Amino acid sequence: MSRIMLGGIPIRIDSGAPTVEYSPTGGVSTARRSGGALVKMRHWRKTAITIRGTGWMGPGFAGLDFDQPLELRCTKQQSLTTTALTGTLPGTPRPDDSPWALAYVGGDWQRTPVEVEPDRTFTITAVPGALQYQVCWRPVFTVFCEPPPESMDPASNTHDWTITAEEV
């Protein structure tokens, strides 16, 4: 079973079942052209990741060097829906957890094989009658973050913590 890992340290269930949120962030601006049409200009796009947990222990990250980029292996899947059998994943899959694919057939999703190359290109095995496909993967990010704030409730002996990270 995959676990969230920051800087090579796994978050154990004793630290709480982590909730994960991905938020797009990026250098985007909008401007109006001389005729009034609105245009969007994107300079870059990255991901902000927030992970929260409540358990009877903290996550134990005090030994990490938060001044350096850290590898963050997440368990919340990302997915790409397509009608094509080939394409490129927009993110990097965890090296220890292979991507998988689903085919939408007869009102239900079913597993189908997918091959993902090191350059993130994928090839899905066709399923007769499939209307669309979804490729799913658990991502790995290189991030900057600060040591997570932690609190403790002595009445219930629980520790709350939050990791806020941004993709490098």
N, C-alpha and C. Protein backbone atom coordinates (compact mmCIF):
# COMPACT_ATOMS: atom_id res chain seq x y z
N MET A 1 0.83 -1.19 0.00
CA MET A 1 0.00 0.00 0.00
C MET A 1 0.88 1.25 0.00
N SER A 2 0.58 2.19 -0.86
CA SER A 2 1.33 3.43 -0.94
C SER A 2 1.00 4.34 0.24
N ARG A 3 2.00 5.06 0.70
CA ARG A 3 1.82 6.05 1.75
C ARG A 3 2.35 7.39 1.24
N ILE A 4 1.80 8.45 1.77
CA ILE A 4 2.36 9.77 1.48
C ILE A 4 3.75 9.80 2.08
N MET A 5 4.70 10.33 1.30
CA MET A 5 6.07 10.43 1.79
C MET A 5 6.59 11.83 1.48
N LEU A 6 7.24 12.43 2.45
CA LEU A 6 7.90 13.72 2.28
C LEU A 6 9.37 13.54 2.62
N GLY A 7 10.24 13.84 1.66
CA GLY A 7 11.67 13.70 1.90
C GLY A 7 12.08 12.31 2.28
N GLY A 8 11.35 11.30 1.79
CA GLY A 8 11.65 9.91 2.08
C GLY A 8 11.05 9.38 3.37
N ILE A 9 10.35 10.23 4.12
CA ILE A 9 9.73 9.80 5.38
C ILE A 9 8.23 9.56 5.15
N PRO A 10 7.75 8.31 5.38
CA PRO A 10 6.32 8.05 5.17
C PRO A 10 5.48 8.59 6.32
N ILE A 11 4.28 9.02 5.98
CA ILE A 11 3.31 9.41 7.01
C ILE A 11 2.56 8.15 7.40
N ARG A 12 2.74 7.70 8.62
CA ARG A 12 2.09 6.48 9.11
C ARG A 12 0.67 6.79 9.58
N ILE A 13 -0.15 5.78 9.60
CA ILE A 13 -1.55 5.95 10.00
C ILE A 13 -1.67 6.47 11.43
N ASP A 14 -0.65 6.24 12.26
CA ASP A 14 -0.66 6.76 13.63
C ASP A 14 -0.69 8.28 13.67
N SER A 15 -0.23 8.91 12.59
CA SER A 15 -0.26 10.37 12.49
C SER A 15 -1.58 10.88 11.96
N GLY A 16 -2.51 9.98 11.70
CA GLY A 16 -3.83 10.35 11.19
C GLY A 16 -3.96 10.02 9.73
N ALA A 17 -5.18 9.72 9.31
CA ALA A 17 -5.45 9.47 7.89
C ALA A 17 -5.38 10.81 7.17
N PRO A 18 -4.36 11.02 6.33
CA PRO A 18 -4.19 12.33 5.73
C PRO A 18 -5.22 12.64 4.65
N THR A 19 -5.67 13.88 4.65
CA THR A 19 -6.50 14.38 3.55
C THR A 19 -5.59 15.22 2.67
N VAL A 20 -5.77 15.10 1.36
CA VAL A 20 -4.89 15.76 0.39
C VAL A 20 -5.73 16.64 -0.52
N GLU A 21 -5.22 17.84 -0.79
CA GLU A 21 -5.88 18.76 -1.71
C GLU A 21 -4.85 19.30 -2.68
N TYR A 22 -5.19 19.27 -3.98
CA TYR A 22 -4.35 19.88 -5.02
C TYR A 22 -5.04 21.15 -5.49
N SER A 23 -4.27 22.22 -5.61
CA SER A 23 -4.79 23.48 -6.12
C SER A 23 -3.86 23.98 -7.22
N PRO A 24 -4.41 24.29 -8.38
CA PRO A 24 -3.56 24.85 -9.43
C PRO A 24 -3.11 26.25 -9.04
N THR A 25 -1.90 26.56 -9.37
CA THR A 25 -1.38 27.90 -9.16
C THR A 25 -0.58 28.26 -10.40
N GLY A 26 -0.53 29.52 -10.74
CA GLY A 26 0.21 29.85 -11.95
C GLY A 26 0.23 31.31 -12.26
N GLY A 27 1.16 31.64 -13.13
CA GLY A 27 1.32 33.01 -13.59
C GLY A 27 0.33 33.29 -14.70
N VAL A 28 -0.86 33.70 -14.33
CA VAL A 28 -1.90 33.96 -15.32
C VAL A 28 -2.46 35.36 -15.11
N SER A 29 -2.76 35.99 -16.22
CA SER A 29 -3.41 37.30 -16.15
C SER A 29 -4.39 37.40 -17.31
N THR A 30 -5.35 38.26 -17.16
CA THR A 30 -6.31 38.52 -18.24
C THR A 30 -6.21 39.98 -18.63
N ALA A 31 -6.50 40.24 -19.88
CA ALA A 31 -6.46 41.60 -20.39
C ALA A 31 -7.52 41.74 -21.48
N ARG A 32 -7.98 42.93 -21.67
CA ARG A 32 -8.95 43.22 -22.73
C ARG A 32 -8.23 43.78 -23.94
N ARG A 33 -8.62 43.28 -25.09
CA ARG A 33 -8.07 43.79 -26.35
C ARG A 33 -8.81 45.08 -26.72
N SER A 34 -8.34 45.73 -27.75
CA SER A 34 -8.93 47.02 -28.13
C SER A 34 -10.42 46.91 -28.47
N GLY A 35 -10.88 45.75 -28.96
CA GLY A 35 -12.30 45.55 -29.27
C GLY A 35 -13.11 45.05 -28.08
N GLY A 36 -12.47 44.90 -26.94
CA GLY A 36 -13.18 44.48 -25.74
C GLY A 36 -13.11 43.00 -25.44
N ALA A 37 -12.53 42.19 -26.34
CA ALA A 37 -12.44 40.74 -26.10
C ALA A 37 -11.46 40.46 -24.96
N LEU A 38 -11.86 39.56 -24.08
CA LEU A 38 -11.02 39.17 -22.95
C LEU A 38 -10.09 38.05 -23.39
N VAL A 39 -8.81 38.19 -23.11
CA VAL A 39 -7.83 37.15 -23.44
C VAL A 39 -7.10 36.76 -22.16
N LYS A 40 -6.72 35.48 -22.10
CA LYS A 40 -5.99 34.96 -20.95
C LYS A 40 -4.55 34.71 -21.39
N MET A 41 -3.62 35.14 -20.53
CA MET A 41 -2.20 34.92 -20.80
C MET A 41 -1.63 34.11 -19.64
N ARG A 42 -1.15 32.90 -19.95
CA ARG A 42 -0.58 32.03 -18.92
C ARG A 42 0.92 31.93 -19.15
N HIS A 43 1.69 32.21 -18.12
CA HIS A 43 3.14 32.16 -18.20
C HIS A 43 3.68 30.84 -17.68
N TRP A 44 2.99 30.26 -16.71
CA TRP A 44 3.41 28.98 -16.13
C TRP A 44 2.26 28.43 -15.30
N ARG A 45 2.34 27.12 -14.97
CA ARG A 45 1.34 26.49 -14.12
C ARG A 45 2.04 25.45 -13.25
N LYS A 46 1.74 25.46 -11.98
CA LYS A 46 2.28 24.50 -11.01
C LYS A 46 1.14 24.07 -10.09
N THR A 47 1.46 23.23 -9.11
CA THR A 47 0.46 22.72 -8.18
C THR A 47 0.84 23.06 -6.75
N ALA A 48 -0.14 23.51 -5.98
CA ALA A 48 0.01 23.69 -4.54
C ALA A 48 -0.67 22.48 -3.89
N ILE A 49 -0.03 21.92 -2.88
CA ILE A 49 -0.53 20.72 -2.24
C ILE A 49 -0.70 21.00 -0.75
N THR A 50 -1.87 20.66 -0.20
CA THR A 50 -2.13 20.78 1.23
C THR A 50 -2.49 19.40 1.76
N ILE A 51 -1.81 18.99 2.82
CA ILE A 51 -2.06 17.69 3.44
C ILE A 51 -2.30 17.93 4.92
N ARG A 52 -3.42 17.38 5.42
CA ARG A 52 -3.78 17.55 6.83
C ARG A 52 -4.00 16.19 7.48
N GLY A 53 -3.71 16.12 8.77
CA GLY A 53 -3.97 14.90 9.50
C GLY A 53 -4.19 15.16 10.98
N THR A 54 -4.87 14.23 11.61
CA THR A 54 -5.08 14.25 13.06
C THR A 54 -4.87 12.83 13.55
N GLY A 55 -3.91 12.64 14.44
CA GLY A 55 -3.61 11.31 14.94
C GLY A 55 -3.04 11.39 16.34
N TRP A 56 -2.60 10.27 16.85
CA TRP A 56 -2.04 10.30 18.20
C TRP A 56 -0.54 10.56 18.20
N MET A 57 0.03 10.84 16.99
CA MET A 57 1.43 11.25 16.86
C MET A 57 1.50 12.34 15.79
N GLY A 58 2.55 13.15 15.85
CA GLY A 58 2.83 14.07 14.75
C GLY A 58 3.50 13.32 13.61
N PRO A 59 3.73 13.96 12.47
CA PRO A 59 4.31 13.27 11.32
C PRO A 59 5.81 13.01 11.45
N GLY A 60 6.51 13.70 12.34
CA GLY A 60 7.92 13.42 12.58
C GLY A 60 8.88 13.95 11.54
N PHE A 61 8.64 15.15 11.05
CA PHE A 61 9.47 15.72 9.99
C PHE A 61 10.55 16.68 10.50
N ALA A 62 10.81 16.72 11.79
CA ALA A 62 11.76 17.70 12.35
C ALA A 62 13.17 17.55 11.79
N GLY A 63 13.54 16.39 11.29
CA GLY A 63 14.89 16.18 10.77
C GLY A 63 15.07 16.54 9.32
N LEU A 64 14.01 16.96 8.63
CA LEU A 64 14.13 17.30 7.21
C LEU A 64 14.73 18.68 7.02
N ASP A 65 15.47 18.85 5.92
CA ASP A 65 16.04 20.15 5.56
C ASP A 65 15.03 20.89 4.69
N PHE A 66 14.21 21.72 5.30
CA PHE A 66 13.15 22.44 4.60
C PHE A 66 13.68 23.59 3.75
N ASP A 67 14.99 23.84 3.77
CA ASP A 67 15.57 24.87 2.91
C ASP A 67 15.89 24.32 1.52
N GLN A 68 15.79 23.01 1.36
CA GLN A 68 16.06 22.35 0.08
C GLN A 68 14.75 21.82 -0.52
N PRO A 69 14.71 21.65 -1.85
CA PRO A 69 13.52 21.00 -2.44
C PRO A 69 13.38 19.58 -1.88
N LEU A 70 12.15 19.17 -1.65
CA LEU A 70 11.86 17.84 -1.11
C LEU A 70 10.96 17.08 -2.07
N GLU A 71 11.14 15.76 -2.11
CA GLU A 71 10.25 14.93 -2.92
C GLU A 71 9.00 14.63 -2.10
N LEU A 72 7.83 14.85 -2.70
CA LEU A 72 6.55 14.58 -2.06
C LEU A 72 5.81 13.54 -2.89
N ARG A 73 5.65 12.35 -2.33
CA ARG A 73 4.90 11.29 -3.00
C ARG A 73 3.50 11.26 -2.41
N CYS A 74 2.50 11.51 -3.25
CA CYS A 74 1.12 11.61 -2.78
C CYS A 74 0.33 10.34 -3.08
N THR A 75 -0.79 10.20 -2.38
CA THR A 75 -1.67 9.05 -2.60
C THR A 75 -2.99 9.45 -3.24
N LYS A 76 -3.32 10.73 -3.26
CA LYS A 76 -4.54 11.16 -3.95
C LYS A 76 -4.25 11.11 -5.44
N GLN A 77 -5.05 10.32 -6.15
CA GLN A 77 -4.80 10.14 -7.57
C GLN A 77 -5.11 11.39 -8.37
N GLN A 78 -4.46 11.50 -9.51
CA GLN A 78 -4.80 12.46 -10.54
C GLN A 78 -5.30 11.64 -11.71
N SER A 79 -6.08 12.24 -12.60
CA SER A 79 -6.62 11.47 -13.72
C SER A 79 -6.77 12.35 -14.95
N LEU A 80 -6.78 11.67 -16.08
CA LEU A 80 -6.93 12.30 -17.38
C LEU A 80 -8.00 11.50 -18.13
N THR A 81 -9.07 12.15 -18.56
CA THR A 81 -10.12 11.49 -19.33
C THR A 81 -9.93 11.81 -20.80
N THR A 82 -10.06 10.77 -21.64
CA THR A 82 -9.77 10.92 -23.06
C THR A 82 -10.59 9.92 -23.88
N THR A 83 -10.74 10.21 -25.16
CA THR A 83 -11.30 9.24 -26.10
C THR A 83 -10.19 8.61 -26.93
N ALA A 84 -8.98 9.14 -26.81
CA ALA A 84 -7.83 8.62 -27.54
C ALA A 84 -7.18 7.48 -26.76
N LEU A 85 -6.47 6.62 -27.47
CA LEU A 85 -5.77 5.51 -26.82
C LEU A 85 -4.33 5.85 -26.47
N THR A 86 -3.85 7.02 -26.93
CA THR A 86 -2.49 7.45 -26.64
C THR A 86 -2.50 8.91 -26.21
N GLY A 87 -1.46 9.29 -25.49
CA GLY A 87 -1.34 10.67 -25.05
C GLY A 87 -0.16 10.81 -24.10
N THR A 88 -0.13 11.93 -23.40
CA THR A 88 0.94 12.20 -22.45
C THR A 88 0.33 12.65 -21.13
N LEU A 89 0.77 12.03 -20.05
CA LEU A 89 0.30 12.44 -18.72
C LEU A 89 0.82 13.84 -18.42
N PRO A 90 -0.01 14.72 -17.84
CA PRO A 90 0.45 16.07 -17.50
C PRO A 90 1.25 16.13 -16.20
N GLY A 91 1.34 15.02 -15.49
CA GLY A 91 2.09 14.97 -14.24
C GLY A 91 2.98 13.74 -14.19
N THR A 92 3.79 13.66 -13.15
CA THR A 92 4.74 12.55 -13.01
C THR A 92 4.18 11.51 -12.05
N PRO A 93 4.05 10.24 -12.49
CA PRO A 93 3.58 9.20 -11.59
C PRO A 93 4.65 8.78 -10.60
N ARG A 94 4.22 8.32 -9.44
CA ARG A 94 5.16 7.77 -8.45
C ARG A 94 5.89 6.59 -9.06
N PRO A 95 7.19 6.49 -8.84
CA PRO A 95 7.93 5.35 -9.39
C PRO A 95 7.60 4.03 -8.70
N ASP A 96 7.01 4.09 -7.51
CA ASP A 96 6.69 2.87 -6.76
C ASP A 96 5.22 2.47 -6.86
N ASP A 97 4.46 3.11 -7.77
CA ASP A 97 3.03 2.84 -7.89
C ASP A 97 2.61 3.07 -9.34
N SER A 98 2.36 2.01 -10.08
CA SER A 98 2.08 2.11 -11.51
C SER A 98 0.73 2.76 -11.81
N PRO A 99 0.66 3.58 -12.87
CA PRO A 99 -0.62 4.12 -13.32
C PRO A 99 -1.56 2.99 -13.76
N TRP A 100 -2.85 3.28 -13.81
CA TRP A 100 -3.85 2.32 -14.25
C TRP A 100 -4.84 3.04 -15.15
N ALA A 101 -5.62 2.27 -15.90
CA ALA A 101 -6.60 2.86 -16.82
C ALA A 101 -7.95 2.20 -16.64
N LEU A 102 -8.99 2.97 -16.97
CA LEU A 102 -10.37 2.51 -16.92
C LEU A 102 -11.02 2.83 -18.26
N ALA A 103 -11.94 1.97 -18.68
CA ALA A 103 -12.71 2.19 -19.90
C ALA A 103 -14.19 2.31 -19.51
N TYR A 104 -14.88 3.28 -20.09
CA TYR A 104 -16.31 3.47 -19.81
C TYR A 104 -17.11 2.70 -20.86
N VAL A 105 -17.71 1.58 -20.42
CA VAL A 105 -18.43 0.68 -21.31
C VAL A 105 -19.77 0.33 -20.68
N GLY A 106 -20.84 0.50 -21.44
CA GLY A 106 -22.16 0.07 -20.96
C GLY A 106 -22.58 0.72 -19.66
N GLY A 107 -22.20 1.98 -19.44
CA GLY A 107 -22.61 2.70 -18.23
C GLY A 107 -21.78 2.40 -17.00
N ASP A 108 -20.63 1.74 -17.17
CA ASP A 108 -19.80 1.41 -16.03
C ASP A 108 -18.32 1.51 -16.43
N TRP A 109 -17.47 1.70 -15.43
CA TRP A 109 -16.03 1.75 -15.66
C TRP A 109 -15.43 0.38 -15.39
N GLN A 110 -14.53 -0.05 -16.28
CA GLN A 110 -13.83 -1.32 -16.07
C GLN A 110 -12.34 -1.11 -16.33
N ARG A 111 -11.52 -1.89 -15.62
CA ARG A 111 -10.07 -1.77 -15.78
C ARG A 111 -9.65 -2.23 -17.16
N THR A 112 -8.62 -1.58 -17.69
CA THR A 112 -8.00 -1.99 -18.93
C THR A 112 -6.51 -1.69 -18.81
N PRO A 113 -5.65 -2.49 -19.41
CA PRO A 113 -4.21 -2.25 -19.29
C PRO A 113 -3.78 -0.92 -19.92
N VAL A 114 -2.73 -0.34 -19.35
CA VAL A 114 -2.12 0.87 -19.89
C VAL A 114 -0.61 0.75 -19.70
N GLU A 115 0.12 1.18 -20.68
CA GLU A 115 1.58 1.25 -20.60
C GLU A 115 1.98 2.71 -20.54
N VAL A 116 2.82 3.07 -19.59
CA VAL A 116 3.30 4.44 -19.46
C VAL A 116 4.82 4.41 -19.57
N GLU A 117 5.35 5.18 -20.50
CA GLU A 117 6.80 5.24 -20.74
C GLU A 117 7.43 6.26 -19.79
N PRO A 118 8.76 6.23 -19.64
CA PRO A 118 9.44 7.19 -18.76
C PRO A 118 9.20 8.66 -19.16
N ASP A 119 8.89 8.92 -20.43
CA ASP A 119 8.62 10.30 -20.86
C ASP A 119 7.15 10.68 -20.62
N ARG A 120 6.40 9.83 -19.89
CA ARG A 120 5.01 10.02 -19.49
C ARG A 120 4.00 9.79 -20.62
N THR A 121 4.46 9.32 -21.79
CA THR A 121 3.50 8.97 -22.84
C THR A 121 2.83 7.65 -22.47
N PHE A 122 1.53 7.55 -22.79
CA PHE A 122 0.78 6.35 -22.43
C PHE A 122 0.10 5.74 -23.65
N THR A 123 -0.13 4.43 -23.56
CA THR A 123 -0.89 3.70 -24.56
C THR A 123 -1.87 2.80 -23.82
N ILE A 124 -3.16 3.01 -24.09
CA ILE A 124 -4.24 2.26 -23.44
C ILE A 124 -4.64 1.10 -24.34
N THR A 125 -4.91 -0.06 -23.75
CA THR A 125 -5.44 -1.19 -24.51
C THR A 125 -6.92 -0.94 -24.78
N ALA A 126 -7.31 -0.95 -26.06
CA ALA A 126 -8.68 -0.66 -26.46
C ALA A 126 -9.66 -1.69 -25.90
N VAL A 127 -10.85 -1.22 -25.57
CA VAL A 127 -11.94 -2.07 -25.10
C VAL A 127 -13.11 -1.86 -26.07
N PRO A 128 -13.61 -2.94 -26.70
CA PRO A 128 -14.72 -2.78 -27.64
C PRO A 128 -15.92 -2.11 -26.97
N GLY A 129 -16.46 -1.09 -27.64
CA GLY A 129 -17.64 -0.38 -27.14
C GLY A 129 -17.35 0.72 -26.14
N ALA A 130 -16.09 0.94 -25.81
CA ALA A 130 -15.75 1.99 -24.83
C ALA A 130 -16.04 3.38 -25.41
N LEU A 131 -16.70 4.21 -24.63
CA LEU A 131 -17.00 5.58 -25.05
C LEU A 131 -15.87 6.53 -24.69
N GLN A 132 -15.17 6.24 -23.60
CA GLN A 132 -14.03 7.06 -23.19
C GLN A 132 -13.17 6.25 -22.23
N TYR A 133 -12.00 6.81 -21.95
CA TYR A 133 -11.03 6.16 -21.08
C TYR A 133 -10.57 7.16 -20.04
N GLN A 134 -10.06 6.62 -18.94
CA GLN A 134 -9.46 7.48 -17.92
C GLN A 134 -8.15 6.82 -17.47
N VAL A 135 -7.08 7.60 -17.53
CA VAL A 135 -5.78 7.15 -17.03
C VAL A 135 -5.60 7.80 -15.67
N CYS A 136 -5.23 7.00 -14.66
CA CYS A 136 -5.08 7.49 -13.29
C CYS A 136 -3.67 7.19 -12.80
N TRP A 137 -3.14 8.06 -11.97
CA TRP A 137 -1.83 7.85 -11.38
C TRP A 137 -1.75 8.59 -10.05
N ARG A 138 -0.88 8.09 -9.19
CA ARG A 138 -0.58 8.78 -7.95
C ARG A 138 0.70 9.58 -8.21
N PRO A 139 0.67 10.89 -7.99
CA PRO A 139 1.78 11.74 -8.43
C PRO A 139 2.92 11.86 -7.42
N VAL A 140 4.05 12.24 -7.98
CA VAL A 140 5.21 12.64 -7.19
C VAL A 140 5.55 14.06 -7.61
N PHE A 141 5.84 14.91 -6.63
CA PHE A 141 6.18 16.31 -6.87
C PHE A 141 7.52 16.62 -6.22
N THR A 142 8.23 17.58 -6.76
CA THR A 142 9.36 18.19 -6.08
C THR A 142 8.83 19.51 -5.55
N VAL A 143 8.94 19.71 -4.23
CA VAL A 143 8.26 20.85 -3.59
C VAL A 143 9.19 21.61 -2.66
N PHE A 144 8.77 22.83 -2.37
CA PHE A 144 9.27 23.58 -1.24
C PHE A 144 8.14 23.67 -0.24
N CYS A 145 8.46 23.53 1.03
CA CYS A 145 7.49 23.73 2.10
C CYS A 145 8.24 24.08 3.37
N GLU A 146 7.50 24.51 4.34
CA GLU A 146 8.05 24.83 5.64
C GLU A 146 7.69 23.69 6.59
N PRO A 147 8.36 23.61 7.74
CA PRO A 147 7.95 22.59 8.71
C PRO A 147 6.46 22.75 9.02
N PRO A 148 5.72 21.64 9.10
CA PRO A 148 4.28 21.77 9.30
C PRO A 148 3.93 22.28 10.68
N PRO A 149 2.95 23.20 10.75
CA PRO A 149 2.46 23.58 12.07
C PRO A 149 1.76 22.39 12.70
N GLU A 150 1.97 22.22 14.01
CA GLU A 150 1.37 21.11 14.73
C GLU A 150 0.72 21.64 16.00
N SER A 151 -0.37 20.98 16.40
CA SER A 151 -1.01 21.31 17.68
C SER A 151 -1.41 20.00 18.36
N MET A 152 -1.69 20.09 19.65
CA MET A 152 -2.08 18.91 20.40
C MET A 152 -3.27 19.23 21.29
N ASP A 153 -4.23 18.33 21.30
CA ASP A 153 -5.38 18.43 22.20
C ASP A 153 -5.15 17.43 23.33
N PRO A 154 -4.74 17.90 24.53
CA PRO A 154 -4.44 16.96 25.61
C PRO A 154 -5.67 16.18 26.09
N ALA A 155 -6.85 16.71 25.89
CA ALA A 155 -8.05 16.01 26.34
C ALA A 155 -8.27 14.72 25.54
N SER A 156 -7.96 14.76 24.27
CA SER A 156 -8.15 13.57 23.44
C SER A 156 -6.82 12.94 23.01
N ASN A 157 -5.70 13.56 23.43
CA ASN A 157 -4.36 13.12 23.07
C ASN A 157 -4.21 12.95 21.55
N THR A 158 -4.67 13.98 20.82
CA THR A 158 -4.52 13.96 19.37
C THR A 158 -3.65 15.13 18.92
N HIS A 159 -2.93 14.89 17.84
CA HIS A 159 -2.05 15.89 17.24
C HIS A 159 -2.60 16.27 15.87
N ASP A 160 -2.78 17.56 15.63
CA ASP A 160 -3.20 18.07 14.33
C ASP A 160 -1.98 18.65 13.65
N TRP A 161 -1.86 18.44 12.35
CA TRP A 161 -0.74 18.97 11.58
C TRP A 161 -1.20 19.25 10.16
N THR A 162 -0.48 20.16 9.49
CA THR A 162 -0.80 20.54 8.11
C THR A 162 0.49 20.80 7.36
N ILE A 163 0.61 20.20 6.19
CA ILE A 163 1.73 20.47 5.29
C ILE A 163 1.18 21.30 4.13
N THR A 164 1.82 22.43 3.88
CA THR A 164 1.46 23.26 2.73
C THR A 164 2.69 23.35 1.86
N ALA A 165 2.60 22.80 0.65
CA ALA A 165 3.75 22.72 -0.25
C ALA A 165 3.41 23.30 -1.60
N GLU A 166 4.44 23.77 -2.30
CA GLU A 166 4.28 24.24 -3.67
C GLU A 166 5.30 23.57 -4.55
N GLU A 167 4.82 23.12 -5.71
CA GLU A 167 5.69 22.48 -6.69
C GLU A 167 6.77 23.44 -7.14
N VAL A 168 7.99 22.92 -7.23
CA VAL A 168 9.13 23.74 -7.65
C VAL A 168 9.00 24.08 -9.12
